[in-house]
Amino acid sequence: MYAVIETGGKQLKVTPGEIVRVERLEVEEGRPIAFERVLLVSDEKGLRVGTPLVAGVKVVGTCLGDGRAAKVIIFKKKKRKQYRRTKGHRQFFTAVRIDRIEA
């Protein structure tokens, strides 16, 4: 059983028991999270694809906490012009354990 959800402008394929990193959500650690935007679900009834969403399906998970991803280095350079810029970025995320898919 798996589902494809949309959160934070990204689409994720999730299965029960899996731990996923999603864009930062304002949820306390240990609290349940319900993802209502389910684009596709595969279960014992077969594969159901939404247009654009599958009606009556939601994915429930538990928040495990917030964090920051590894640093991404942005480096710009123009040859022979003595132009160099270095910048770093660390994206915030929320770790979520997928508990069940309610179909």
Protein backbone atom coordinates (compact mmCIF):
# COMPACT_ATOMS: atom_id res chain seq x y z
CA MET A 1 0.00 0.00 0.00
CA TYR A 2 1.34 3.42 -0.93
CA ALA A 3 0.15 6.93 -1.73
CA VAL A 4 1.45 10.04 -3.46
CA ILE A 5 0.85 13.20 -1.44
CA GLU A 6 1.48 16.86 -2.14
CA THR A 7 2.97 19.07 0.55
CA GLY A 8 5.17 22.14 0.40
CA GLY A 9 4.88 22.29 -3.39
CA LYS A 10 6.45 18.83 -3.74
CA GLN A 11 5.02 15.37 -4.41
CA LEU A 12 6.12 12.45 -2.24
CA LYS A 13 5.48 8.71 -2.52
CA VAL A 14 4.83 7.42 1.02
CA THR A 15 4.18 4.04 2.61
CA PRO A 16 3.08 3.26 6.20
CA GLY A 17 6.03 3.10 8.61
CA GLU A 18 8.26 5.29 6.42
CA ILE A 19 9.98 8.43 7.72
CA VAL A 20 9.92 11.34 5.26
CA ARG A 21 11.27 14.88 5.32
CA VAL A 22 8.78 17.52 4.19
CA GLU A 23 8.99 21.29 3.98
CA ARG A 24 8.80 22.84 7.46
CA LEU A 25 5.35 22.61 9.06
CA GLU A 26 4.16 24.49 12.14
CA VAL A 27 3.40 21.37 14.20
CA GLU A 28 4.65 20.42 17.65
CA GLU A 29 6.80 17.33 18.04
CA GLY A 30 4.74 14.21 18.75
CA ARG A 31 1.51 15.64 17.31
CA PRO A 32 -0.40 13.92 14.49
CA ILE A 33 -0.41 15.42 10.99
CA ALA A 34 -3.03 14.69 8.33
CA PHE A 35 -2.19 15.18 4.66
CA GLU A 36 -5.46 15.76 2.78
CA ARG A 37 -3.92 16.39 -0.67
CA VAL A 38 -3.60 12.80 -1.91
CA LEU A 39 -2.95 12.53 -5.65
CA LEU A 40 -2.77 8.74 -5.99
CA VAL A 41 -3.42 5.73 -3.76
CA SER A 42 -2.66 2.06 -4.30
CA ASP A 43 -4.32 -0.44 -1.93
CA GLU A 44 -6.25 -3.73 -1.99
CA LYS A 45 -8.95 -2.05 -4.13
CA GLY A 46 -6.38 -1.28 -6.82
CA LEU A 47 -4.76 1.88 -8.12
CA ARG A 48 -6.82 5.07 -7.86
CA VAL A 49 -5.65 8.29 -9.49
CA GLY A 50 -7.24 11.61 -8.55
CA THR A 51 -8.39 14.36 -10.86
CA PRO A 52 -6.50 16.13 -9.30
CA LEU A 53 -7.18 14.66 -5.81
CA VAL A 54 -8.54 11.31 -4.64
CA ALA A 55 -11.75 11.98 -2.68
CA GLY A 56 -12.12 10.59 0.85
CA VAL A 57 -8.47 9.59 1.31
CA LYS A 58 -5.97 11.05 3.75
CA VAL A 59 -2.53 10.13 5.01
CA VAL A 60 -1.92 10.36 8.76
CA GLY A 61 1.53 10.72 10.29
CA THR A 62 3.31 11.79 13.46
CA CYS A 63 5.70 14.74 13.68
CA LEU A 64 9.18 13.65 14.80
CA GLY A 65 10.67 17.15 14.96
CA ASP A 66 12.26 19.89 12.90
CA GLY A 67 15.74 20.14 11.49
CA ARG A 68 17.93 21.62 8.80
CA ALA A 69 19.31 19.85 5.76
CA ALA A 70 22.96 19.77 4.75
CA LYS A 71 24.47 23.01 3.52
CA VAL A 72 24.26 23.80 -0.19
CA ILE A 73 27.05 26.06 -1.47
CA ILE A 74 26.18 28.66 -4.11
CA PHE A 75 29.29 29.89 -5.96
CA LYS A 76 29.23 32.49 -8.73
CA LYS A 77 32.24 33.46 -10.81
CA LYS A 78 32.99 35.45 -13.96
CA LYS A 79 36.28 34.57 -15.53
CA ARG A 80 38.91 37.31 -15.98
CA LYS A 81 36.72 39.86 -14.14
CA GLN A 82 37.79 39.19 -10.53
CA TYR A 83 34.16 38.46 -9.60
CA ARG A 84 33.48 35.69 -7.05
CA ARG A 85 30.57 35.28 -4.63
CA THR A 86 30.05 32.41 -2.21
CA LYS A 87 26.81 31.86 -0.34
CA GLY A 88 25.44 28.96 1.71
CA HIS A 89 21.90 27.77 2.40
CA ARG A 90 20.39 25.19 4.77
CA GLN A 91 16.74 24.31 4.14
CA PHE A 92 14.40 23.74 7.10
CA PHE A 93 12.44 20.47 7.19
CA THR A 94 10.01 18.54 9.39
CA ALA A 95 10.52 14.80 9.84
CA VAL A 96 7.24 12.86 9.70
CA ARG A 97 6.62 9.15 10.34
CA ILE A 98 3.74 7.90 8.16
CA ASP A 99 1.37 5.91 10.39
CA ARG A 100 -1.49 4.95 8.07
CA ILE A 101 -3.29 5.66 4.82
CA GLU A 102 -7.02 6.07 5.39
CA ALA A 103 -8.70 5.11 2.15
